[in-house]
Amino acid sequence: MKFQALFFLLILACMYLSLAQGSYGNCCLGYNRKLKGKKNIESYRMQETDGDCNIRAVVFTMKTGRTVCANPEHAWVQKQIEILKKKMQN
């Protein structure tokens, strides 16, 4: 009986830890200061501080599929967003 209870608690603990690890899968945890190859930016999205994400960020998606996180308050980031908006309008 003790073994079964211990085994059950161990399974529950493992399930809890596996669920906790998946919560930051799509979030930026920091910013890149510079971005090389700005011409290779394909799109962007905004990350807000709701739910699982702790920082507000702009997530640029490169043509290679790689994502780059940037601070939305920096001037170069705002300039890139304007360039992408103009591309989308044309």
PDB file of N, CA and C in Angstrom:
ATOM      1  N   MET A   1       0.819  -1.198   0.000  1.00  0.00           N
ATOM      2  CA  MET A   1       0.000   0.000   0.000  1.00  0.00           C
ATOM      3  C   MET A   1       0.862   1.260   0.000  1.00  0.00           C
ATOM      4  N   LYS A   2       1.916   1.273   0.825  1.00  0.00           N
ATOM      5  CA  LYS A   2       2.800   2.435   0.882  1.00  0.00           C
ATOM      6  C   LYS A   2       3.516   2.633  -0.451  1.00  0.00           C
ATOM      7  N   PHE A   3       3.925   1.526  -1.079  1.00  0.00           N
ATOM      8  CA  PHE A   3       4.609   1.614  -2.350  1.00  0.00           C
ATOM      9  C   PHE A   3       3.700   2.214  -3.422  1.00  0.00           C
ATOM     10  N   GLN A   4       2.446   1.827  -3.446  1.00  0.00           N
ATOM     11  CA  GLN A   4       1.505   2.342  -4.438  1.00  0.00           C
ATOM     12  C   GLN A   4       1.261   3.835  -4.244  1.00  0.00           C
ATOM     13  N   ALA A   5       1.140   4.272  -3.003  1.00  0.00           N
ATOM     14  CA  ALA A   5       0.938   5.698  -2.729  1.00  0.00           C
ATOM     15  C   ALA A   5       2.165   6.503  -3.127  1.00  0.00           C
ATOM     16  N   LEU A   6       3.348   5.993  -2.813  1.00  0.00           N
ATOM     17  CA  LEU A   6       4.586   6.667  -3.184  1.00  0.00           C
ATOM     18  C   LEU A   6       4.737   6.729  -4.701  1.00  0.00           C
ATOM     19  N   PHE A   7       4.432   5.654  -5.378  1.00  0.00           N
ATOM     20  CA  PHE A   7       4.500   5.611  -6.832  1.00  0.00           C
ATOM     21  C   PHE A   7       3.530   6.621  -7.451  1.00  0.00           C
ATOM     22  N   PHE A   8       2.312   6.702  -6.923  1.00  0.00           N
ATOM     23  CA  PHE A   8       1.311   7.642  -7.414  1.00  0.00           C
ATOM     24  C   PHE A   8       1.772   9.084  -7.227  1.00  0.00           C
ATOM     25  N   LEU A   9       2.348   9.413  -6.077  1.00  0.00           N
ATOM     26  CA  LEU A   9       2.862  10.764  -5.830  1.00  0.00           C
ATOM     27  C   LEU A   9       4.033  11.089  -6.752  1.00  0.00           C
ATOM     28  N   LEU A  10       4.871  10.113  -7.032  1.00  0.00           N
ATOM     29  CA  LEU A  10       5.989  10.321  -7.944  1.00  0.00           C
ATOM     30  C   LEU A  10       5.502  10.619  -9.362  1.00  0.00           C
ATOM     31  N   ILE A  11       4.503   9.911  -9.809  1.00  0.00           N
ATOM     32  CA  ILE A  11       3.916  10.148 -11.146  1.00  0.00           C
ATOM     33  C   ILE A  11       3.304  11.547 -11.206  1.00  0.00           C
ATOM     34  N   LEU A  12       2.583  11.949 -10.184  1.00  0.00           N
ATOM     35  CA  LEU A  12       1.990  13.286 -10.158  1.00  0.00           C
ATOM     36  C   LEU A  12       3.059  14.372 -10.183  1.00  0.00           C
ATOM     37  N   ALA A  13       4.128  14.184  -9.441  1.00  0.00           N
ATOM     38  CA  ALA A  13       5.218  15.168  -9.419  1.00  0.00           C
ATOM     39  C   ALA A  13       5.857  15.291 -10.804  1.00  0.00           C
ATOM     40  N   CYS A  14       6.073  14.177 -11.475  1.00  0.00           N
ATOM     41  CA  CYS A  14       6.661  14.217 -12.822  1.00  0.00           C
ATOM     42  C   CYS A  14       5.741  14.924 -13.816  1.00  0.00           C
ATOM     43  N   MET A  15       4.455  14.684 -13.719  1.00  0.00           N
ATOM     44  CA  MET A  15       3.499  15.346 -14.613  1.00  0.00           C
ATOM     45  C   MET A  15       3.483  16.845 -14.359  1.00  0.00           C
ATOM     46  N   TYR A  16       3.531  17.251 -13.120  1.00  0.00           N
ATOM     47  CA  TYR A  16       3.531  18.673 -12.779  1.00  0.00           C
ATOM     48  C   TYR A  16       4.761  19.367 -13.342  1.00  0.00           C
ATOM     49  N   LEU A  17       5.931  18.752 -13.194  1.00  0.00           N
ATOM     50  CA  LEU A  17       7.168  19.346 -13.701  1.00  0.00           C
ATOM     51  C   LEU A  17       7.171  19.434 -15.218  1.00  0.00           C
ATOM     52  N   SER A  18       6.630  18.447 -15.896  1.00  0.00           N
ATOM     53  CA  SER A  18       6.614  18.492 -17.357  1.00  0.00           C
ATOM     54  C   SER A  18       5.670  19.576 -17.865  1.00  0.00           C
ATOM     55  N   LEU A  19       4.569  19.833 -17.177  1.00  0.00           N
ATOM     56  CA  LEU A  19       3.661  20.908 -17.576  1.00  0.00           C
ATOM     57  C   LEU A  19       4.274  22.269 -17.315  1.00  0.00           C
ATOM     58  N   ALA A  20       5.011  22.428 -16.240  1.00  0.00           N
ATOM     59  CA  ALA A  20       5.621  23.712 -15.898  1.00  0.00           C
ATOM     60  C   ALA A  20       6.706  24.090 -16.885  1.00  0.00           C
ATOM     61  N   GLN A  21       7.424  23.123 -17.438  1.00  0.00           N
ATOM     62  CA  GLN A  21       8.500  23.421 -18.364  1.00  0.00           C
ATOM     63  C   GLN A  21       7.998  23.934 -19.702  1.00  0.00           C
ATOM     64  N   GLY A  22       6.813  23.593 -20.127  1.00  0.00           N
ATOM     65  CA  GLY A  22       6.305  23.976 -21.434  1.00  0.00           C
ATOM     66  C   GLY A  22       5.707  25.358 -21.497  1.00  0.00           C
ATOM     67  N   SER A  23       5.716  26.106 -20.425  1.00  0.00           N
ATOM     68  CA  SER A  23       4.995  27.366 -20.405  1.00  0.00           C
ATOM     69  C   SER A  23       5.711  28.497 -21.136  1.00  0.00           C
ATOM     70  N   TYR A  24       7.028  28.398 -21.376  1.00  0.00           N
ATOM     71  CA  TYR A  24       7.757  29.483 -22.023  1.00  0.00           C
ATOM     72  C   TYR A  24       8.167  29.139 -23.451  1.00  0.00           C
ATOM     73  N   GLY A  25       7.471  28.233 -24.086  1.00  0.00           N
ATOM     74  CA  GLY A  25       7.862  27.775 -25.405  1.00  0.00           C
ATOM     75  C   GLY A  25       7.897  28.845 -26.471  1.00  0.00           C
ATOM     76  N   ASN A  26       6.994  29.786 -26.461  1.00  0.00           N
ATOM     77  CA  ASN A  26       6.893  30.791 -27.511  1.00  0.00           C
ATOM     78  C   ASN A  26       7.241  32.189 -27.039  1.00  0.00           C
ATOM     79  N   CYS A  27       7.893  32.332 -25.917  1.00  0.00           N
ATOM     80  CA  CYS A  27       8.167  33.651 -25.340  1.00  0.00           C
ATOM     81  C   CYS A  27       9.624  34.052 -25.502  1.00  0.00           C
ATOM     82  N   CYS A  28       9.822  35.353 -25.713  1.00  0.00           N
ATOM     83  CA  CYS A  28      11.166  35.921 -25.667  1.00  0.00           C
ATOM     84  C   CYS A  28      11.522  36.141 -24.206  1.00  0.00           C
ATOM     85  N   LEU A  29      12.698  35.714 -23.830  1.00  0.00           N
ATOM     86  CA  LEU A  29      13.148  35.908 -22.458  1.00  0.00           C
ATOM     87  C   LEU A  29      14.176  37.027 -22.349  1.00  0.00           C
ATOM     88  N   GLY A  30      14.618  37.547 -23.497  1.00  0.00           N
ATOM     89  CA  GLY A  30      15.581  38.640 -23.531  1.00  0.00           C
ATOM     90  C   GLY A  30      15.579  39.280 -24.915  1.00  0.00           C
ATOM     91  N   TYR A  31      16.387  40.333 -25.059  1.00  0.00           N
ATOM     92  CA  TYR A  31      16.436  41.086 -26.309  1.00  0.00           C
ATOM     93  C   TYR A  31      17.783  40.909 -27.005  1.00  0.00           C
ATOM     94  N   ASN A  32      17.762  40.941 -28.348  1.00  0.00           N
ATOM     95  CA  ASN A  32      18.986  41.056 -29.132  1.00  0.00           C
ATOM     96  C   ASN A  32      19.265  42.546 -29.288  1.00  0.00           C
ATOM     97  N   ARG A  33      20.496  42.939 -29.095  1.00  0.00           N
ATOM     98  CA  ARG A  33      20.833  44.369 -29.199  1.00  0.00           C
ATOM     99  C   ARG A  33      20.963  44.828 -30.642  1.00  0.00           C
ATOM    100  N   LYS A  34      21.513  43.981 -31.480  1.00  0.00           N
ATOM    101  CA  LYS A  34      21.702  44.319 -32.886  1.00  0.00           C
ATOM    102  C   LYS A  34      21.168  43.179 -33.729  1.00  0.00           C
ATOM    103  N   LEU A  35      20.840  43.510 -34.959  1.00  0.00           N
ATOM    104  CA  LEU A  35      20.338  42.492 -35.884  1.00  0.00           C
ATOM    105  C   LEU A  35      21.080  42.637 -37.198  1.00  0.00           C
ATOM    106  N   LYS A  36      21.829  41.613 -37.553  1.00  0.00           N
ATOM    107  CA  LYS A  36      22.522  41.601 -38.839  1.00  0.00           C
ATOM    108  C   LYS A  36      21.559  41.058 -39.882  1.00  0.00           C
ATOM    109  N   GLY A  37      21.641  41.555 -41.074  1.00  0.00           N
ATOM    110  CA  GLY A  37      20.791  41.074 -42.154  1.00  0.00           C
ATOM    111  C   GLY A  37      19.355  41.546 -42.039  1.00  0.00           C
ATOM    112  N   LYS A  38      19.186  42.845 -41.790  1.00  0.00           N
ATOM    113  CA  LYS A  38      17.831  43.391 -41.636  1.00  0.00           C
ATOM    114  C   LYS A  38      16.994  43.234 -42.901  1.00  0.00           C
ATOM    115  N   LYS A  39      17.668  43.068 -44.029  1.00  0.00           N
ATOM    116  CA  LYS A  39      16.942  42.882 -45.287  1.00  0.00           C
ATOM    117  C   LYS A  39      16.286  41.504 -45.359  1.00  0.00           C
ATOM    118  N   ASN A  40      16.693  40.609 -44.490  1.00  0.00           N
ATOM    119  CA  ASN A  40      16.153  39.253 -44.495  1.00  0.00           C
ATOM    120  C   ASN A  40      14.958  39.080 -43.570  1.00  0.00           C
ATOM    121  N   ILE A  41      14.460  40.177 -43.005  1.00  0.00           N
ATOM    122  CA  ILE A  41      13.286  40.085 -42.134  1.00  0.00           C
ATOM    123  C   ILE A  41      12.055  39.870 -43.009  1.00  0.00           C
ATOM    124  N   GLU A  42      11.291  38.856 -42.675  1.00  0.00           N
ATOM    125  CA  GLU A  42      10.095  38.515 -43.437  1.00  0.00           C
ATOM    126  C   GLU A  42       8.827  39.082 -42.799  1.00  0.00           C
ATOM    127  N   SER A  43       8.739  39.003 -41.470  1.00  0.00           N
ATOM    128  CA  SER A  43       7.554  39.488 -40.772  1.00  0.00           C
ATOM    129  C   SER A  43       7.894  39.762 -39.313  1.00  0.00           C
ATOM    130  N   TYR A  44       6.899  40.255 -38.594  1.00  0.00           N
ATOM    131  CA  TYR A  44       7.091  40.491 -37.166  1.00  0.00           C
ATOM    132  C   TYR A  44       5.771  40.277 -36.444  1.00  0.00           C
ATOM    133  N   ARG A  45       5.874  40.088 -35.144  1.00  0.00           N
ATOM    134  CA  ARG A  45       4.694  40.034 -34.288  1.00  0.00           C
ATOM    135  C   ARG A  45       5.051  40.673 -32.960  1.00  0.00           C
ATOM    136  N   MET A  46       4.047  41.129 -32.259  1.00  0.00           N
ATOM    137  CA  MET A  46       4.248  41.744 -30.949  1.00  0.00           C
ATOM    138  C   MET A  46       4.022  40.698 -29.863  1.00  0.00           C
ATOM    139  N   GLN A  47       4.896  40.672 -28.890  1.00  0.00           N
ATOM    140  CA  GLN A  47       4.717  39.830 -27.705  1.00  0.00           C
ATOM    141  C   GLN A  47       4.371  40.750 -26.547  1.00  0.00           C
ATOM    142  N   GLU A  48       3.241  40.522 -25.964  1.00  0.00           N
ATOM    143  CA  GLU A  48       2.802  41.337 -24.826  1.00  0.00           C
ATOM    144  C   GLU A  48       3.086  40.612 -23.519  1.00  0.00           C
ATOM    145  N   THR A  49       2.963  41.315 -22.427  1.00  0.00           N
ATOM    146  CA  THR A  49       3.258  40.736 -21.117  1.00  0.00           C
ATOM    147  C   THR A  49       2.023  40.128 -20.480  1.00  0.00           C
ATOM    148  N   ASP A  50       1.288  39.378 -21.261  1.00  0.00           N
ATOM    149  CA  ASP A  50       0.113  38.705 -20.709  1.00  0.00           C
ATOM    150  C   ASP A  50       0.343  37.202 -20.739  1.00  0.00           C
ATOM    151  N   GLY A  51      -0.288  36.505 -19.878  1.00  0.00           N
ATOM    152  CA  GLY A  51      -0.140  35.052 -19.858  1.00  0.00           C
ATOM    153  C   GLY A  51       1.225  34.625 -19.364  1.00  0.00           C
ATOM    154  N   ASP A  52       1.932  33.851 -20.182  1.00  0.00           N
ATOM    155  CA  ASP A  52       3.205  33.265 -19.764  1.00  0.00           C
ATOM    156  C   ASP A  52       4.413  34.153 -20.021  1.00  0.00           C
ATOM    157  N   CYS A  53       4.304  35.143 -20.876  1.00  0.00           N
ATOM    158  CA  CYS A  53       5.456  35.948 -21.282  1.00  0.00           C
ATOM    159  C   CYS A  53       5.686  37.103 -20.309  1.00  0.00           C
ATOM    160  N   ASN A  54       6.959  37.307 -19.941  1.00  0.00           N
ATOM    161  CA  ASN A  54       7.282  38.297 -18.923  1.00  0.00           C
ATOM    162  C   ASN A  54       7.725  39.645 -19.466  1.00  0.00           C
ATOM    163  N   ILE A  55       8.104  39.716 -20.734  1.00  0.00           N
ATOM    164  CA  ILE A  55       8.578  40.975 -21.291  1.00  0.00           C
ATOM    165  C   ILE A  55       7.806  41.311 -22.560  1.00  0.00           C
ATOM    166  N   ARG A  56       7.705  42.598 -22.837  1.00  0.00           N
ATOM    167  CA  ARG A  56       7.112  43.082 -24.082  1.00  0.00           C
ATOM    168  C   ARG A  56       8.225  43.085 -25.120  1.00  0.00           C
ATOM    169  N   ALA A  57       7.956  42.513 -26.289  1.00  0.00           N
ATOM    170  CA  ALA A  57       9.008  42.395 -27.295  1.00  0.00           C
ATOM    171  C   ALA A  57       8.410  42.384 -28.695  1.00  0.00           C
ATOM    172  N   VAL A  58       9.270  42.704 -29.656  1.00  0.00           N
ATOM    173  CA  VAL A  58       8.949  42.524 -31.072  1.00  0.00           C
ATOM    174  C   VAL A  58       9.709  41.284 -31.515  1.00  0.00           C
ATOM    175  N   VAL A  59       8.994  40.347 -32.114  1.00  0.00           N
ATOM    176  CA  VAL A  59       9.611  39.098 -32.578  1.00  0.00           C
ATOM    177  C   VAL A  59       9.675  39.150 -34.094  1.00  0.00           C
ATOM    178  N   PHE A  60      10.880  39.328 -34.621  1.00  0.00           N
ATOM    179  CA  PHE A  60      11.084  39.336 -36.063  1.00  0.00           C
ATOM    180  C   PHE A  60      11.292  37.910 -36.545  1.00  0.00           C
ATOM    181  N   THR A  61      10.647  37.558 -37.658  1.00  0.00           N
ATOM    182  CA  THR A  61      10.859  36.260 -38.285  1.00  0.00           C
ATOM    183  C   THR A  61      11.683  36.481 -39.543  1.00  0.00           C
ATOM    184  N   MET A  62      12.799  35.783 -39.617  1.00  0.00           N
ATOM    185  CA  MET A  62      13.707  35.920 -40.744  1.00  0.00           C
ATOM    186  C   MET A  62      13.278  34.973 -41.861  1.00  0.00           C
ATOM    187  N   LYS A  63      13.791  35.189 -43.060  1.00  0.00           N
ATOM    188  CA  LYS A  63      13.471  34.327 -44.202  1.00  0.00           C
ATOM    189  C   LYS A  63      13.915  32.893 -43.971  1.00  0.00           C
ATOM    190  N   THR A  64      14.896  32.694 -43.126  1.00  0.00           N
ATOM    191  CA  THR A  64      15.385  31.348 -42.814  1.00  0.00           C
ATOM    192  C   THR A  64      14.488  30.640 -41.798  1.00  0.00           C
ATOM    193  N   GLY A  65      13.518  31.367 -41.220  1.00  0.00           N
ATOM    194  CA  GLY A  65      12.641  30.787 -40.219  1.00  0.00           C
ATOM    195  C   GLY A  65      13.077  31.081 -38.797  1.00  0.00           C
ATOM    196  N   ARG A  66      14.259  31.631 -38.646  1.00  0.00           N
ATOM    197  CA  ARG A  66      14.779  31.975 -37.324  1.00  0.00           C
ATOM    198  C   ARG A  66      14.019  33.172 -36.772  1.00  0.00           C
ATOM    199  N   THR A  67      13.835  33.234 -35.464  1.00  0.00           N
ATOM    200  CA  THR A  67      13.182  34.377 -34.840  1.00  0.00           C
ATOM    201  C   THR A  67      14.185  35.147 -34.000  1.00  0.00           C
ATOM    202  N   VAL A  68      14.002  36.474 -33.989  1.00  0.00           N
ATOM    203  CA  VAL A  68      14.877  37.370 -33.244  1.00  0.00           C
ATOM    204  C   VAL A  68      14.003  38.281 -32.388  1.00  0.00           C
ATOM    205  N   CYS A  69      14.316  38.364 -31.109  1.00  0.00           N
ATOM    206  CA  CYS A  69      13.553  39.192 -30.183  1.00  0.00           C
ATOM    207  C   CYS A  69      14.238  40.546 -30.024  1.00  0.00           C
ATOM    208  N   ALA A  70      13.440  41.621 -30.046  1.00  0.00           N
ATOM    209  CA  ALA A  70      13.995  42.964 -29.945  1.00  0.00           C
ATOM    210  C   ALA A  70      13.131  43.826 -29.030  1.00  0.00           C
ATOM    211  N   ASN A  71      13.761  44.842 -28.471  1.00  0.00           N
ATOM    212  CA  ASN A  71      13.076  45.772 -27.585  1.00  0.00           C
ATOM    213  C   ASN A  71      12.245  46.747 -28.425  1.00  0.00           C
ATOM    214  N   PRO A  72      10.931  46.802 -28.212  1.00  0.00           N
ATOM    215  CA  PRO A  72      10.089  47.668 -29.041  1.00  0.00           C
ATOM    216  C   PRO A  72      10.326  49.162 -28.819  1.00  0.00           C
ATOM    217  N   GLU A  73      11.077  49.528 -27.801  1.00  0.00           N
ATOM    218  CA  GLU A  73      11.346  50.943 -27.528  1.00  0.00           C
ATOM    219  C   GLU A  73      12.581  51.462 -28.257  1.00  0.00           C
ATOM    220  N   HIS A  74      13.390  50.583 -28.813  1.00  0.00           N
ATOM    221  CA  HIS A  74      14.589  51.019 -29.534  1.00  0.00           C
ATOM    222  C   HIS A  74      14.214  51.584 -30.900  1.00  0.00           C
ATOM    223  N   ALA A  75      14.960  52.606 -31.312  1.00  0.00           N
ATOM    224  CA  ALA A  75      14.663  53.301 -32.562  1.00  0.00           C
ATOM    225  C   ALA A  75      14.806  52.388 -33.783  1.00  0.00           C
ATOM    226  N   TRP A  76      15.831  51.536 -33.809  1.00  0.00           N
ATOM    227  CA  TRP A  76      16.034  50.677 -34.977  1.00  0.00           C
ATOM    228  C   TRP A  76      14.897  49.667 -35.122  1.00  0.00           C
ATOM    229  N   VAL A  77      14.311  49.254 -34.009  1.00  0.00           N
ATOM    230  CA  VAL A  77      13.197  48.311 -34.059  1.00  0.00           C
ATOM    231  C   VAL A  77      11.966  49.001 -34.640  1.00  0.00           C
ATOM    232  N   GLN A  78      11.690  50.213 -34.185  1.00  0.00           N
ATOM    233  CA  GLN A  78      10.549  50.971 -34.696  1.00  0.00           C
ATOM    234  C   GLN A  78      10.710  51.265 -36.182  1.00  0.00           C
ATOM    235  N   LYS A  79      11.938  51.532 -36.607  1.00  0.00           N
ATOM    236  CA  LYS A  79      12.197  51.784 -38.024  1.00  0.00           C
ATOM    237  C   LYS A  79      11.926  50.533 -38.854  1.00  0.00           C
ATOM    238  N   GLN A  80      12.343  49.375 -38.371  1.00  0.00           N
ATOM    239  CA  GLN A  80      12.107  48.123 -39.092  1.00  0.00           C
ATOM    240  C   GLN A  80      10.614  47.808 -39.178  1.00  0.00           C
ATOM    241  N   ILE A  81       9.873  48.108 -38.128  1.00  0.00           N
ATOM    242  CA  ILE A  81       8.425  47.887 -38.155  1.00  0.00           C
ATOM    243  C   ILE A  81       7.779  48.761 -39.221  1.00  0.00           C
ATOM    244  N   GLU A  82       8.200  50.018 -39.319  1.00  0.00           N
ATOM    245  CA  GLU A  82       7.659  50.913 -40.345  1.00  0.00           C
ATOM    246  C   GLU A  82       7.989  50.406 -41.743  1.00  0.00           C
ATOM    247  N   ILE A  83       9.199  49.919 -41.937  1.00  0.00           N
ATOM    248  CA  ILE A  83       9.594  49.378 -43.244  1.00  0.00           C
ATOM    249  C   ILE A  83       8.726  48.177 -43.600  1.00  0.00           C
ATOM    250  N   LEU A  84       8.500  47.293 -42.637  1.00  0.00           N
ATOM    251  CA  LEU A  84       7.666  46.116 -42.890  1.00  0.00           C
ATOM    252  C   LEU A  84       6.216  46.499 -43.158  1.00  0.00           C
ATOM    253  N   LYS A  85       5.705  47.503 -42.474  1.00  0.00           N
ATOM    254  CA  LYS A  85       4.327  47.953 -42.712  1.00  0.00           C
ATOM    255  C   LYS A  85       4.182  48.490 -44.129  1.00  0.00           C
ATOM    256  N   LYS A  86       5.173  49.246 -44.609  1.00  0.00           N
ATOM    257  CA  LYS A  86       5.134  49.768 -45.977  1.00  0.00           C
ATOM    258  C   LYS A  86       5.189  48.646 -47.001  1.00  0.00           C
ATOM    259  N   LYS A  87       5.987  47.599 -46.726  1.00  0.00           N
ATOM    260  CA  LYS A  87       6.048  46.453 -47.628  1.00  0.00           C
ATOM    261  C   LYS A  87       4.699  45.742 -47.704  1.00  0.00           C
ATOM    262  N   MET A  88       4.027  45.632 -46.582  1.00  0.00           N
ATOM    263  CA  MET A  88       2.743  44.951 -46.536  1.00  0.00           C
ATOM    264  C   MET A  88       1.664  45.736 -47.281  1.00  0.00           C
ATOM    265  N   GLN A  89       1.759  47.062 -47.307  1.00  0.00           N
ATOM    266  CA  GLN A  89       0.758  47.886 -47.994  1.00  0.00           C
ATOM    267  C   GLN A  89       0.908  47.785 -49.513  1.00  0.00           C
ATOM    268  N   ASN A  90       2.133  47.572 -49.979  1.00  0.00           N
ATOM    269  CA  ASN A  90       2.362  47.512 -51.436  1.00  0.00           C
ATOM    270  C   ASN A  90       2.028  46.193 -52.013  1.00  0.00           C
TER     271      ASN A  90
END
